[in-house]
N, C-alpha and C. Protein backbone atom coordinates (compact mmCIF):
# COMPACT_ATOMS: atom_id res chain seq x y z
N MET A 1 -18.88 -0.45 -10.40
CA MET A 1 -20.05 -1.11 -10.44
C MET A 1 -20.96 -0.89 -10.22
N GLU A 2 -21.41 -1.73 -10.56
CA GLU A 2 -23.18 -1.25 -11.61
C GLU A 2 -24.16 -1.70 -10.49
N PHE A 3 -25.13 -1.11 -10.17
CA PHE A 3 -25.92 -1.49 -8.98
C PHE A 3 -27.76 -1.62 -9.62
N SER A 4 -28.16 -2.45 -9.21
CA SER A 4 -29.56 -2.44 -9.74
C SER A 4 -30.52 -2.02 -8.62
N THR A 5 -31.80 -1.72 -8.63
CA THR A 5 -32.43 -0.88 -8.35
C THR A 5 -33.55 -2.38 -7.39
N ALA A 6 -33.00 -3.27 -7.05
CA ALA A 6 -33.73 -4.17 -6.32
C ALA A 6 -33.87 -3.72 -4.83
N SER A 7 -32.49 -3.70 -4.93
CA SER A 7 -31.88 -3.44 -3.14
C SER A 7 -31.24 -2.33 -3.13
N PRO A 8 -31.12 -2.10 -1.75
CA PRO A 8 -30.47 -0.76 -1.72
C PRO A 8 -29.11 -1.11 -1.67
N ILE A 9 -28.16 -0.04 -2.45
CA ILE A 9 -26.90 0.28 -2.53
C ILE A 9 -25.49 -0.67 -1.70
N TRP A 10 -26.04 0.18 -0.43
CA TRP A 10 -25.41 -0.30 0.59
C TRP A 10 -25.21 -2.53 0.89
N VAL A 11 -26.77 -3.00 0.45
CA VAL A 11 -26.28 -4.02 0.96
C VAL A 11 -26.12 -4.96 -0.83
N GLN A 12 -26.08 -4.07 -1.46
CA GLN A 12 -24.70 -4.88 -2.72
C GLN A 12 -23.65 -4.59 -2.48
N LEU A 13 -23.32 -3.83 -1.89
CA LEU A 13 -21.92 -3.18 -1.49
C LEU A 13 -21.86 -4.29 -0.71
N VAL A 14 -22.50 -4.69 0.65
CA VAL A 14 -22.68 -6.07 1.63
C VAL A 14 -21.68 -7.00 1.02
N ALA A 15 -22.92 -7.78 -0.09
CA ALA A 15 -22.61 -8.66 -0.98
C ALA A 15 -21.10 -9.12 -1.70
N GLU A 16 -21.19 -7.64 -2.49
CA GLU A 16 -19.61 -7.57 -2.82
C GLU A 16 -18.53 -7.79 -2.07
N PHE A 17 -18.42 -7.25 -0.85
CA PHE A 17 -17.46 -7.15 0.15
C PHE A 17 -17.40 -8.62 0.55
N SER A 18 -18.54 -8.89 0.79
CA SER A 18 -18.74 -10.80 1.17
C SER A 18 -17.82 -11.60 0.15
N ARG A 19 -18.35 -11.17 -1.49
CA ARG A 19 -17.18 -12.16 -2.19
C ARG A 19 -16.16 -11.82 -2.23
N ARG A 20 -16.00 -10.91 -2.03
CA ARG A 20 -13.92 -10.50 -1.85
C ARG A 20 -13.56 -11.31 -0.91
N ILE A 21 -14.28 -11.29 0.08
CA ILE A 21 -14.19 -12.20 1.75
C ILE A 21 -13.33 -13.80 1.19
N VAL A 22 -14.63 -14.44 0.33
CA VAL A 22 -14.48 -15.96 0.86
C VAL A 22 -13.83 -16.57 -0.69
N VAL A 23 -13.53 -15.40 -1.37
CA VAL A 23 -12.65 -15.81 -2.64
C VAL A 23 -10.99 -14.92 -2.40
N GLY A 24 -11.22 -15.02 -1.51
CA GLY A 24 -9.85 -14.17 -1.02
C GLY A 24 -9.22 -12.91 -1.30
N GLU A 25 -9.90 -12.22 -2.18
CA GLU A 25 -9.35 -10.81 -2.55
C GLU A 25 -9.27 -9.63 -1.74
N TRP A 26 -10.12 -9.52 -0.15
CA TRP A 26 -9.19 -9.67 0.59
C TRP A 26 -9.09 -10.60 1.41
N GLN A 27 -7.97 -10.95 1.90
CA GLN A 27 -7.41 -11.80 2.48
C GLN A 27 -7.56 -12.04 4.15
N PRO A 28 -7.85 -12.73 4.96
CA PRO A 28 -8.30 -13.22 6.52
C PRO A 28 -6.59 -12.18 6.78
N GLY A 29 -7.26 -11.71 7.33
CA GLY A 29 -6.05 -10.54 8.50
C GLY A 29 -5.94 -9.54 7.99
N SER A 30 -6.50 -9.19 6.73
CA SER A 30 -5.37 -8.10 6.15
C SER A 30 -6.38 -6.74 6.39
N ARG A 31 -5.74 -5.67 5.93
CA ARG A 31 -6.06 -4.07 6.10
C ARG A 31 -7.42 -4.21 5.15
N VAL A 32 -8.74 -3.39 5.32
CA VAL A 32 -9.39 -3.30 4.60
C VAL A 32 -9.44 -1.89 3.85
N PRO A 33 -9.51 -1.03 2.46
CA PRO A 33 -9.02 0.07 1.94
C PRO A 33 -9.91 0.88 2.53
N GLY A 34 -9.59 2.17 2.99
CA GLY A 34 -10.31 3.46 3.71
C GLY A 34 -11.48 3.42 2.98
N VAL A 35 -12.26 3.87 3.69
CA VAL A 35 -13.97 4.21 3.46
C VAL A 35 -13.41 5.08 1.76
N ARG A 36 -12.75 6.24 1.80
CA ARG A 36 -13.03 7.04 0.79
C ARG A 36 -12.56 6.44 -0.81
N GLU A 37 -11.39 5.46 -0.03
CA GLU A 37 -10.61 4.81 -1.90
C GLU A 37 -12.04 3.55 -2.46
N ILE A 38 -12.74 2.75 -1.29
CA ILE A 38 -12.97 2.10 -1.35
C ILE A 38 -14.70 3.01 -2.48
N ALA A 39 -15.00 3.89 -2.25
CA ALA A 39 -16.49 4.46 -2.30
C ALA A 39 -15.90 4.89 -3.87
N ALA A 40 -14.74 5.69 -4.11
CA ALA A 40 -14.44 5.88 -5.07
C ALA A 40 -14.47 5.03 -6.33
N GLU A 41 -13.81 3.61 -5.81
CA GLU A 41 -13.63 2.35 -6.65
C GLU A 41 -14.73 2.14 -6.80
N VAL A 42 -15.91 2.27 -6.09
CA VAL A 42 -17.17 1.69 -6.41
C VAL A 42 -18.28 2.80 -6.87
N GLY A 43 -17.91 3.48 -6.98
CA GLY A 43 -18.52 4.93 -7.23
C GLY A 43 -19.81 4.88 -6.66
N VAL A 44 -19.97 5.74 -5.54
CA VAL A 44 -20.66 5.64 -4.51
C VAL A 44 -20.48 6.88 -3.29
N ASN A 45 -21.41 7.35 -2.67
CA ASN A 45 -21.06 8.21 -1.37
C ASN A 45 -20.27 7.66 -0.16
N PRO A 46 -19.05 7.63 0.25
CA PRO A 46 -18.53 7.60 1.10
C PRO A 46 -19.65 7.03 2.63
N ASN A 47 -20.54 7.72 2.74
CA ASN A 47 -21.33 7.46 3.75
C ASN A 47 -21.99 5.97 3.08
N THR A 48 -22.57 5.77 1.93
CA THR A 48 -22.96 4.66 1.83
C THR A 48 -21.87 2.95 1.80
N ALA A 49 -20.75 3.56 1.11
CA ALA A 49 -19.58 2.12 1.86
C ALA A 49 -19.15 2.01 3.42
N GLN A 50 -19.38 3.22 4.29
CA GLN A 50 -19.30 3.45 5.90
C GLN A 50 -20.47 2.19 6.01
N ARG A 51 -21.70 2.67 5.43
CA ARG A 51 -22.72 1.54 5.98
C ARG A 51 -22.00 0.47 5.40
N ALA A 52 -22.17 -0.05 4.58
CA ALA A 52 -21.62 -1.38 4.25
C ALA A 52 -20.74 -2.08 5.03
N LEU A 53 -19.62 -1.48 4.76
CA LEU A 53 -18.24 -1.63 5.99
C LEU A 53 -18.75 -1.37 7.03
N ALA A 54 -19.86 -1.21 8.01
CA ALA A 54 -19.87 -1.48 9.13
C ALA A 54 -21.41 -2.37 9.40
N GLU A 55 -21.41 -3.14 8.26
CA GLU A 55 -22.60 -4.44 8.26
C GLU A 55 -21.68 -5.56 8.64
N LEU A 56 -20.54 -5.32 7.39
CA LEU A 56 -19.34 -6.02 8.08
C LEU A 56 -19.15 -6.60 9.12
N GLU A 57 -18.79 -5.87 10.05
CA GLU A 57 -18.57 -5.40 11.93
C GLU A 57 -19.39 -6.43 12.00
N ARG A 58 -20.50 -5.90 11.67
CA ARG A 58 -21.50 -6.07 12.67
C ARG A 58 -21.76 -7.45 12.76
N ALA A 59 -21.93 -8.39 11.54
CA ALA A 59 -21.81 -9.23 10.75
C ALA A 59 -19.87 -9.95 11.07
N ASP A 60 -19.74 -9.66 12.33
CA ASP A 60 -18.55 -10.01 12.63
C ASP A 60 -17.13 -10.40 11.25
N LEU A 61 -17.26 -9.94 10.14
CA LEU A 61 -16.42 -10.52 9.18
C LEU A 61 -15.17 -9.28 8.81
N ALA A 62 -15.24 -8.45 9.93
CA ALA A 62 -14.75 -7.48 10.03
C ALA A 62 -14.01 -6.32 11.64
N ARG A 63 -13.29 -5.99 11.58
CA ARG A 63 -13.01 -5.50 13.26
C ARG A 63 -12.60 -3.90 12.65
N SER A 64 -12.86 -3.07 13.35
CA SER A 64 -12.10 -1.72 13.46
C SER A 64 -11.10 -1.81 14.95
N GLU A 65 -9.58 -1.19 14.35
CA GLU A 65 -8.93 -0.76 15.05
C GLU A 65 -8.37 0.53 15.41
N ARG A 66 -8.87 1.29 16.26
CA ARG A 66 -8.88 2.76 16.43
C ARG A 66 -7.71 3.21 15.99
N THR A 67 -6.33 3.45 16.01
CA THR A 67 -5.44 3.52 15.19
C THR A 67 -5.46 2.90 13.86
N SER A 68 -5.02 1.83 13.63
CA SER A 68 -4.41 1.05 12.06
C SER A 68 -5.40 1.30 11.13
N GLY A 69 -7.36 1.43 11.53
CA GLY A 69 -8.10 0.73 10.28
C GLY A 69 -9.45 -0.06 10.49
N ARG A 70 -9.29 -0.66 9.51
CA ARG A 70 -10.20 -1.77 9.37
C ARG A 70 -9.37 -2.93 8.88
N PHE A 71 -10.09 -4.11 9.58
CA PHE A 71 -8.96 -5.48 8.95
C PHE A 71 -10.24 -6.40 9.01
N ILE A 72 -9.86 -7.30 8.07
CA ILE A 72 -11.05 -8.43 7.48
C ILE A 72 -10.65 -9.36 8.86
N THR A 73 -11.72 -10.26 9.27
CA THR A 73 -11.97 -11.35 10.12
C THR A 73 -10.28 -12.67 9.78
N ASP A 74 -9.90 -12.85 11.09
CA ASP A 74 -9.18 -13.94 10.65
C ASP A 74 -9.09 -15.00 11.27
N ASP A 75 -10.88 -14.89 11.28
CA ASP A 75 -11.38 -16.52 11.78
C ASP A 75 -11.94 -17.40 10.54
N LEU A 76 -11.48 -18.13 10.28
CA LEU A 76 -11.74 -19.35 9.45
C LEU A 76 -12.44 -19.79 8.91
N ALA A 77 -13.12 -20.24 10.12
CA ALA A 77 -14.69 -21.00 10.41
C ALA A 77 -15.27 -19.83 9.96
N ARG A 78 -15.27 -18.19 10.81
CA ARG A 78 -16.43 -17.35 9.84
C ARG A 78 -16.78 -17.26 8.39
N ILE A 79 -15.40 -17.36 7.85
CA ILE A 79 -15.49 -16.96 6.59
C ILE A 79 -15.82 -17.95 5.99
N ASP A 80 -15.82 -19.32 6.31
CA ASP A 80 -16.34 -20.78 5.24
C ASP A 80 -17.76 -20.57 5.86
N ALA A 81 -18.24 -20.20 6.65
CA ALA A 81 -19.69 -20.20 7.28
C ALA A 81 -20.37 -18.92 6.31
N LEU A 82 -19.45 -18.31 5.85
CA LEU A 82 -20.34 -16.83 4.90
C LEU A 82 -19.96 -17.75 3.37
N ARG A 83 -19.06 -18.53 3.11
CA ARG A 83 -19.22 -19.26 2.17
C ARG A 83 -20.02 -20.10 1.68
N ALA A 84 -20.61 -20.87 2.99
CA ALA A 84 -21.73 -22.22 2.70
C ALA A 84 -23.15 -20.94 2.43
N ASP A 85 -23.29 -19.74 3.00
CA ASP A 85 -24.13 -19.08 3.04
C ASP A 85 -24.43 -18.57 1.55
N LEU A 86 -23.15 -18.27 0.88
CA LEU A 86 -23.53 -17.60 0.02
C LEU A 86 -24.43 -18.84 -1.72
N ALA A 87 -23.25 -19.68 -0.84
CA ALA A 87 -23.67 -21.44 -1.58
C ALA A 87 -25.21 -21.46 -1.35
N ARG A 88 -25.77 -21.48 -0.29
CA ARG A 88 -27.25 -22.04 -0.15
C ARG A 88 -27.83 -20.68 -0.85
N ASP A 89 -27.81 -19.80 -0.80
CA ASP A 89 -28.41 -18.77 -1.58
C ASP A 89 -28.20 -18.88 -3.27
N ALA A 90 -26.97 -19.17 -3.74
CA ALA A 90 -26.89 -19.35 -5.14
C ALA A 90 -27.45 -20.78 -5.44
N THR A 91 -27.93 -21.58 -4.53
CA THR A 91 -28.81 -23.21 -4.78
C THR A 91 -29.75 -22.54 -4.72
N ASP A 92 -30.36 -21.77 -3.65
CA ASP A 92 -32.18 -21.32 -4.05
C ASP A 92 -32.36 -21.13 -5.07
N ILE A 93 -31.61 -19.91 -5.64
CA ILE A 93 -32.23 -19.26 -6.74
C ILE A 93 -32.15 -20.13 -7.70
N TYR A 94 -30.74 -21.23 -7.93
CA TYR A 94 -31.36 -22.50 -8.82
C TYR A 94 -32.22 -22.98 -8.54
N ILE A 95 -32.63 -23.59 -7.84
CA ILE A 95 -33.73 -24.52 -7.42
C ILE A 95 -34.77 -23.87 -7.66
N SER A 96 -34.96 -22.67 -6.92
CA SER A 96 -36.40 -22.28 -7.72
C SER A 96 -36.42 -22.00 -9.17
N ARG A 97 -35.37 -21.35 -10.10
CA ARG A 97 -35.73 -21.35 -11.44
C ARG A 97 -35.72 -22.97 -12.10
N VAL A 98 -35.11 -23.87 -11.57
CA VAL A 98 -35.64 -25.49 -12.41
C VAL A 98 -36.50 -25.70 -11.96
N ARG A 99 -37.27 -25.56 -10.67
CA ARG A 99 -38.57 -25.82 -9.96
C ARG A 99 -39.28 -25.42 -11.35
N GLY A 100 -39.20 -23.83 -11.30
CA GLY A 100 -39.98 -23.88 -12.25
C GLY A 100 -40.28 -23.91 -13.93
N LEU A 101 -39.26 -24.42 -14.58
CA LEU A 101 -39.04 -25.00 -15.84
C LEU A 101 -39.72 -26.67 -15.34
N GLY A 102 -40.38 -26.93 -14.07
CA GLY A 102 -41.23 -28.22 -14.05
C GLY A 102 -39.73 -29.55 -13.90
N MET A 103 -38.73 -29.50 -13.46
CA MET A 103 -37.56 -29.92 -13.26
C MET A 103 -37.82 -31.11 -12.35
N HIS A 104 -37.68 -32.55 -12.56
CA HIS A 104 -37.44 -33.25 -10.64
C HIS A 104 -35.82 -32.64 -10.47
N LEU A 105 -35.50 -33.04 -9.05
CA LEU A 105 -34.28 -33.29 -8.36
C LEU A 105 -32.88 -33.64 -8.98
N SER A 106 -33.61 -35.02 -9.78
CA SER A 106 -32.63 -35.85 -10.46
C SER A 106 -32.24 -35.34 -11.54
N GLN A 107 -32.94 -34.40 -12.21
CA GLN A 107 -32.73 -34.04 -13.59
C GLN A 107 -31.99 -32.74 -13.61
N ALA A 108 -31.87 -31.86 -12.47
CA ALA A 108 -31.36 -30.77 -11.59
C ALA A 108 -30.18 -31.01 -11.31
N ALA A 109 -29.95 -32.13 -10.51
CA ALA A 109 -28.83 -32.83 -10.17
C ALA A 109 -27.65 -33.35 -11.40
N ASP A 110 -28.53 -33.67 -12.41
CA ASP A 110 -27.67 -34.44 -13.70
C ASP A 110 -27.30 -32.77 -14.36
N ILE A 111 -27.74 -31.82 -14.18
CA ILE A 111 -27.46 -30.44 -15.02
C ILE A 111 -26.27 -30.08 -14.77
N ILE A 112 -26.70 -30.15 -13.13
CA ILE A 112 -24.87 -29.65 -12.65
C ILE A 112 -23.40 -30.20 -12.68
N LYS A 113 -23.84 -31.90 -12.45
CA LYS A 113 -22.56 -32.54 -13.11
C LYS A 113 -22.35 -32.38 -14.34
N GLN A 114 -23.15 -32.54 -15.26
CA GLN A 114 -22.36 -32.58 -16.77
C GLN A 114 -21.32 -30.99 -16.90
N ARG A 115 -22.01 -30.04 -16.41
CA ARG A 115 -21.76 -28.76 -16.51
C ARG A 115 -20.40 -28.46 -15.60
N TRP A 116 -20.53 -29.20 -14.16
CA TRP A 116 -19.59 -28.90 -13.43
C TRP A 116 -18.15 -28.09 -13.97
N ASP A 117 -17.45 -28.84 -15.08
CA ASP A 117 -16.40 -29.09 -15.41
C ASP A 117 -16.64 -28.25 -16.49
N ASP A 118 -16.76 -28.26 -17.12
CA ASP A 118 -17.40 -27.24 -18.54
C ASP A 118 -16.53 -25.76 -18.58
N PRO A 119 -15.46 -25.79 -18.94
CA PRO A 119 -14.55 -24.96 -19.12
C PRO A 119 -15.84 -23.39 -19.64
N ASN A 120 -16.53 -23.44 -20.57
CA ASN A 120 -17.15 -22.07 -20.69
C ASN A 120 -18.35 -21.64 -19.71
N VAL A 121 -18.20 -22.52 -18.83
CA VAL A 121 -19.28 -21.84 -17.53
C VAL A 121 -18.31 -21.27 -16.46
N HIS A 122 -18.08 -20.16 -16.04
CA HIS A 122 -17.24 -19.19 -15.58
C HIS A 122 -17.47 -19.03 -14.17
N SER A 123 -16.76 -18.90 -13.17
CA SER A 123 -17.06 -18.08 -11.78
C SER A 123 -17.45 -17.31 -11.97
N ASP A 124 -18.47 -16.57 -10.99
CA ASP A 124 -18.80 -15.17 -10.41
C ASP A 124 -16.86 -14.35 -10.18
N HIS A 125 -16.50 -15.43 -9.74
CA HIS A 125 -15.17 -14.62 -9.43
C HIS A 125 -14.44 -14.58 -10.56
N ALA A 126 -14.38 -15.28 -11.62
CA ALA A 126 -13.47 -15.00 -13.13
C ALA A 126 -14.11 -14.28 -13.87
N ALA A 127 -15.65 -14.41 -13.55
CA ALA A 127 -16.28 -13.31 -14.06
C ALA A 127 -16.26 -11.61 -14.24
N HIS A 128 -15.87 -11.99 -12.71
CA HIS A 128 -16.05 -10.75 -12.03
C HIS A 128 -14.07 -9.94 -12.33
N THR A 129 -13.20 -11.09 -12.21
CA THR A 129 -11.86 -10.78 -12.97
C THR A 129 -11.91 -10.29 -14.46
N ARG A 130 -12.37 -10.86 -14.62
CA ARG A 130 -12.47 -11.03 -16.63
C ARG A 130 -12.62 -9.22 -16.69
N THR A 131 -14.10 -9.14 -16.26
CA THR A 131 -15.05 -7.69 -16.08
C THR A 131 -13.88 -5.73 -15.11
N GLY A 132 -12.93 -6.22 -15.05
CA GLY A 132 -11.96 -5.48 -14.12
C GLY A 132 -13.05 -4.79 -13.29
N GLY A 133 -13.62 -5.93 -12.55
CA GLY A 133 -14.43 -5.27 -11.09
C GLY A 133 -16.24 -5.05 -11.14
N GLN A 134 -15.91 -4.83 -12.86
CA GLN A 134 -17.55 -3.88 -13.17
C GLN A 134 -18.44 -5.07 -12.87
């Protein structure tokens, strides 16, 4: 996984783990891989991975069970709320960029409608899968 210098690594991990939850890569109620396993996978210090996972717990997206490990929430409404939050964030980025180009709402909406079913426009999930999580 590549990290930017724009925000702390643990914050970027929270975003990645959130993505994994909403796309079903980490299924509701499933066991989360161990801290060391995740740290090795994404190439970070285990303390950094632990901090990101603790944030998922603070946000009620995961829970720890003393003897069995950490699990993704099985609260589908919470996962849907997270999905909506991520979509709002992506929408805000799009709006900011097209406003910067001097476009109006109707023009921006037309572009979305035209491009929505374009097979050349891949979702983040598909792009993530194609690159093997890189």
